[in-house]
C-alpha cells in the first residue's frame, strides 16, 4: 500500500466515470459530479480504481475503513511469515525429579505455541568426570517430552556442555 497512492474524491480529474458500489455492483457510466452527489448522500468516498479511454472506474466506499482493512491484511501476512523463536531450557547435572517435571511442563507450554526447543546441560568442576551420567540425564528428559517434541539431531557435547535441538511434532 505504501507505493500506491490512491486518488480519492475531489482529486479525480476524469469528467466521466463508471461507478461501482462497495459490493461491486456496477451503476454504469455517469458524470463525476453525479457520482460525487451520490457518494455524499450515502456519506461515502469515491476512489479511482483504474482509468481506461478517458473514463475512470470509480468505487464508492468508506476510504478509512478500506485503509484499515488493508493494514490488517498486511499485519496478517506478516504474522504468517513470522518464524517462532527458539526457546532454551537449561537443566543441571544435579537436577531433582520435581524440577524435571517443571521443565517438562515448560516444554509443553512452548510446544503449544509452536516454538522449537533447545536443551542444554552444563557440567561444572568435578561433574566433568561423569559425562556419561549427564548424557543419560539428557536422554531421559528428552524421552519425557517425546509426546510434544522430536529430537532433530543427536545430543552433542561441546566442551563441558551437552545440547540438543528438538522440533515440534505435527
Protein backbone atom coordinates (compact mmCIF):
# COMPACT_ATOMS: atom_id res chain seq x y z
CA UNK A 1 0.00 0.00 0.00
CA UNK A 2 2.96 2.35 0.58
CA UNK A 3 3.90 2.52 -3.10
CA UNK A 4 0.33 3.06 -4.33
CA UNK A 5 -1.23 6.48 -3.88
CA UNK A 6 -4.98 6.22 -4.23
CA UNK A 7 -6.84 9.05 -5.94
CA UNK A 8 -9.98 9.89 -3.97
CA UNK A 9 -12.94 12.31 -4.05
CA UNK A 10 -12.07 15.80 -5.41
CA UNK A 11 -8.68 14.65 -6.77
CA UNK A 12 -10.33 12.55 -9.50
CA UNK A 13 -9.72 14.51 -12.75
CA UNK A 14 -11.81 12.49 -15.19
CA UNK A 15 -15.13 14.04 -16.31
CA UNK A 16 -16.85 10.70 -16.95
CA UNK A 17 -16.68 7.81 -14.54
CA UNK A 18 -18.02 4.29 -14.31
CA UNK A 19 -19.41 3.99 -10.78
CA UNK A 20 -19.14 0.77 -8.78
CA UNK A 21 -20.67 0.26 -5.33
CA UNK A 22 -18.93 -1.34 -2.33
CA UNK A 23 -20.44 -4.74 -3.13
CA UNK A 24 -19.08 -4.45 -6.72
CA UNK A 25 -22.49 -3.63 -8.25
CA UNK A 26 -21.95 -1.62 -11.45
CA UNK A 27 -24.11 1.52 -11.73
CA UNK A 28 -22.80 2.40 -15.19
CA UNK A 29 -21.26 5.50 -16.74
CA UNK A 30 -22.08 8.98 -15.43
CA UNK A 31 -20.51 12.38 -14.88
CA UNK A 32 -18.14 12.85 -11.96
CA UNK A 33 -20.47 15.42 -10.40
CA UNK A 34 -23.38 12.95 -10.31
CA UNK A 35 -21.10 10.35 -8.73
CA UNK A 36 -19.93 12.85 -6.08
CA UNK A 37 -23.54 13.74 -5.25
CA UNK A 38 -24.46 10.04 -4.83
CA UNK A 39 -21.41 9.47 -2.63
CA UNK A 40 -22.26 12.44 -0.39
CA UNK A 41 -25.85 11.20 0.01
CA UNK A 42 -24.52 7.91 1.37
CA UNK A 43 -21.62 9.53 3.31
CA UNK A 44 -19.07 7.54 1.31
CA UNK A 45 -15.91 8.34 -0.65
CA UNK A 46 -15.03 7.84 -4.30
CA UNK A 47 -11.79 6.01 -5.05
CA UNK A 48 -10.35 5.69 -8.54
CA UNK A 49 -9.50 2.08 -9.35
CA UNK A 50 -8.33 2.49 -12.95
CA UNK A 51 -8.60 4.75 -15.97
CA UNK A 52 -9.37 3.50 -19.49
CA UNK A 53 -10.05 5.62 -22.59
CA UNK A 54 -10.65 8.78 -20.56
CA UNK A 55 -13.25 7.06 -18.36
CA UNK A 56 -12.22 6.34 -14.78
CA UNK A 57 -13.52 3.31 -12.96
CA UNK A 58 -14.51 4.64 -9.53
CA UNK A 59 -15.59 2.68 -6.48
CA UNK A 60 -17.87 4.16 -3.83
CA UNK A 61 -16.67 3.12 -0.36
CA UNK A 62 -15.65 4.29 3.11
CA UNK A 63 -11.99 5.10 2.45
CA UNK A 64 -10.83 4.94 6.07
CA UNK A 65 -12.41 1.50 6.50
CA UNK A 66 -10.64 0.45 3.32
CA UNK A 67 -7.27 1.64 4.68
CA UNK A 68 -7.92 -0.14 7.99
CA UNK A 69 -8.70 -3.42 6.22
CA UNK A 70 -5.58 -3.10 4.09
CA UNK A 71 -3.44 -2.53 7.18
CA UNK A 72 -4.94 -5.55 8.96
CA UNK A 73 -4.37 -7.72 5.91
CA UNK A 74 -0.69 -6.71 5.79
CA UNK A 75 -0.34 -7.49 9.51
CA UNK A 76 -1.90 -10.92 8.96
CA UNK A 77 0.51 -11.67 6.14
CA UNK A 78 3.49 -10.64 8.27
CA UNK A 79 2.29 -12.83 11.13
CA UNK A 80 2.01 -15.81 8.80
CA UNK A 81 5.68 -15.46 7.81
CA UNK A 82 6.95 -14.96 11.33
CA UNK A 83 9.17 -17.82 12.49
CA UNK A 84 8.76 -18.75 16.15
CA UNK A 85 11.71 -18.10 18.45
CA UNK A 86 13.93 -20.92 19.65
CA UNK A 87 13.28 -21.48 23.36
CA UNK A 88 16.04 -22.80 25.61
CA UNK A 89 15.70 -24.99 28.69
CA UNK A 90 18.73 -25.43 30.92
CA UNK A 91 18.95 -28.46 33.11
CA UNK A 92 21.76 -29.26 35.51
CA UNK A 93 23.61 -32.41 36.47
CA UNK A 94 22.11 -32.39 39.98
CA UNK A 95 18.53 -31.52 38.98
CA UNK A 96 15.80 -33.20 41.04
CA UNK A 97 12.78 -35.14 39.82
CA UNK A 98 10.27 -32.39 40.63
CA UNK A 99 12.40 -29.79 38.85
CA UNK A 100 12.50 -32.02 35.78
CA UNK A 101 8.69 -32.15 35.87
CA UNK A 102 8.57 -28.34 36.00
CA UNK A 103 10.90 -28.18 32.97
CA UNK A 104 8.69 -30.74 31.19
CA UNK A 105 5.63 -28.53 31.80
CA UNK A 106 7.54 -25.55 30.37
CA UNK A 107 8.40 -27.57 27.29
CA UNK A 108 4.73 -28.49 26.90
CA UNK A 109 3.75 -24.79 27.03
CA UNK A 110 6.35 -23.95 24.38
CA UNK A 111 5.04 -26.72 22.13
CA UNK A 112 1.50 -25.33 22.32
CA UNK A 113 2.70 -22.01 20.88
CA UNK A 114 4.87 -23.77 18.23
CA UNK A 115 8.35 -22.88 19.49
CA UNK A 116 11.30 -25.15 18.69
CA UNK A 117 13.33 -26.12 21.75
CA UNK A 118 16.99 -26.30 22.70
CA UNK A 119 18.01 -28.18 25.83
CA UNK A 120 21.39 -27.59 27.43
CA UNK A 121 23.16 -29.27 30.33
CA UNK A 122 26.40 -27.70 31.55
CA UNK A 123 28.84 -29.65 33.71
CA UNK A 124 30.91 -27.88 36.36
CA UNK A 125 34.08 -28.82 38.18
CA UNK A 126 34.06 -32.50 39.19
CA UNK A 127 30.84 -33.13 37.29
CA UNK A 128 33.01 -33.28 34.14
CA UNK A 129 34.15 -36.75 35.20
CA UNK A 130 30.57 -38.03 34.91
CA UNK A 131 29.78 -37.08 31.33
CA UNK A 132 28.16 -40.44 30.66
CA UNK A 133 25.64 -39.90 33.50
CA UNK A 134 24.92 -36.39 32.19
CA UNK A 135 24.29 -37.87 28.72
CA UNK A 136 21.81 -40.32 30.23
CA UNK A 137 20.06 -37.49 32.11
CA UNK A 138 19.62 -35.60 28.84
CA UNK A 139 18.24 -38.71 27.13
CA UNK A 140 15.72 -39.40 29.90
CA UNK A 141 14.50 -35.79 29.83
CA UNK A 142 14.09 -35.95 26.04
CA UNK A 143 12.11 -39.18 26.45
CA UNK A 144 9.78 -37.38 28.89
CA UNK A 145 8.92 -34.74 26.28
CA UNK A 146 8.70 -37.07 23.26
CA UNK A 147 4.92 -36.54 23.24
CA UNK A 148 5.46 -32.92 22.09
CA UNK A 149 8.93 -32.78 20.54
CA UNK A 150 11.16 -34.87 18.31
CA UNK A 151 14.96 -34.84 18.50
CA UNK A 152 16.22 -33.11 15.36
CA UNK A 153 19.91 -34.05 15.75
CA UNK A 154 21.72 -36.31 18.18
CA UNK A 155 22.83 -34.93 21.52
CA UNK A 156 26.22 -33.29 21.05
CA UNK A 157 28.89 -32.32 23.55
CA UNK A 158 30.90 -29.16 23.10
CA UNK A 159 33.45 -28.62 25.84
CA UNK A 160 31.58 -29.18 29.09
CA UNK A 161 28.10 -28.53 27.65
CA UNK A 162 25.63 -31.03 26.24
CA UNK A 163 22.98 -29.65 23.91
CA UNK A 164 20.09 -30.99 21.88
CA UNK A 165 17.74 -29.29 19.44
CA UNK A 166 14.18 -30.51 19.21
CA UNK A 167 11.40 -29.69 16.79
CA UNK A 168 7.66 -29.82 17.30
CA UNK A 169 5.65 -32.88 16.36
CA UNK A 170 2.90 -32.01 13.91
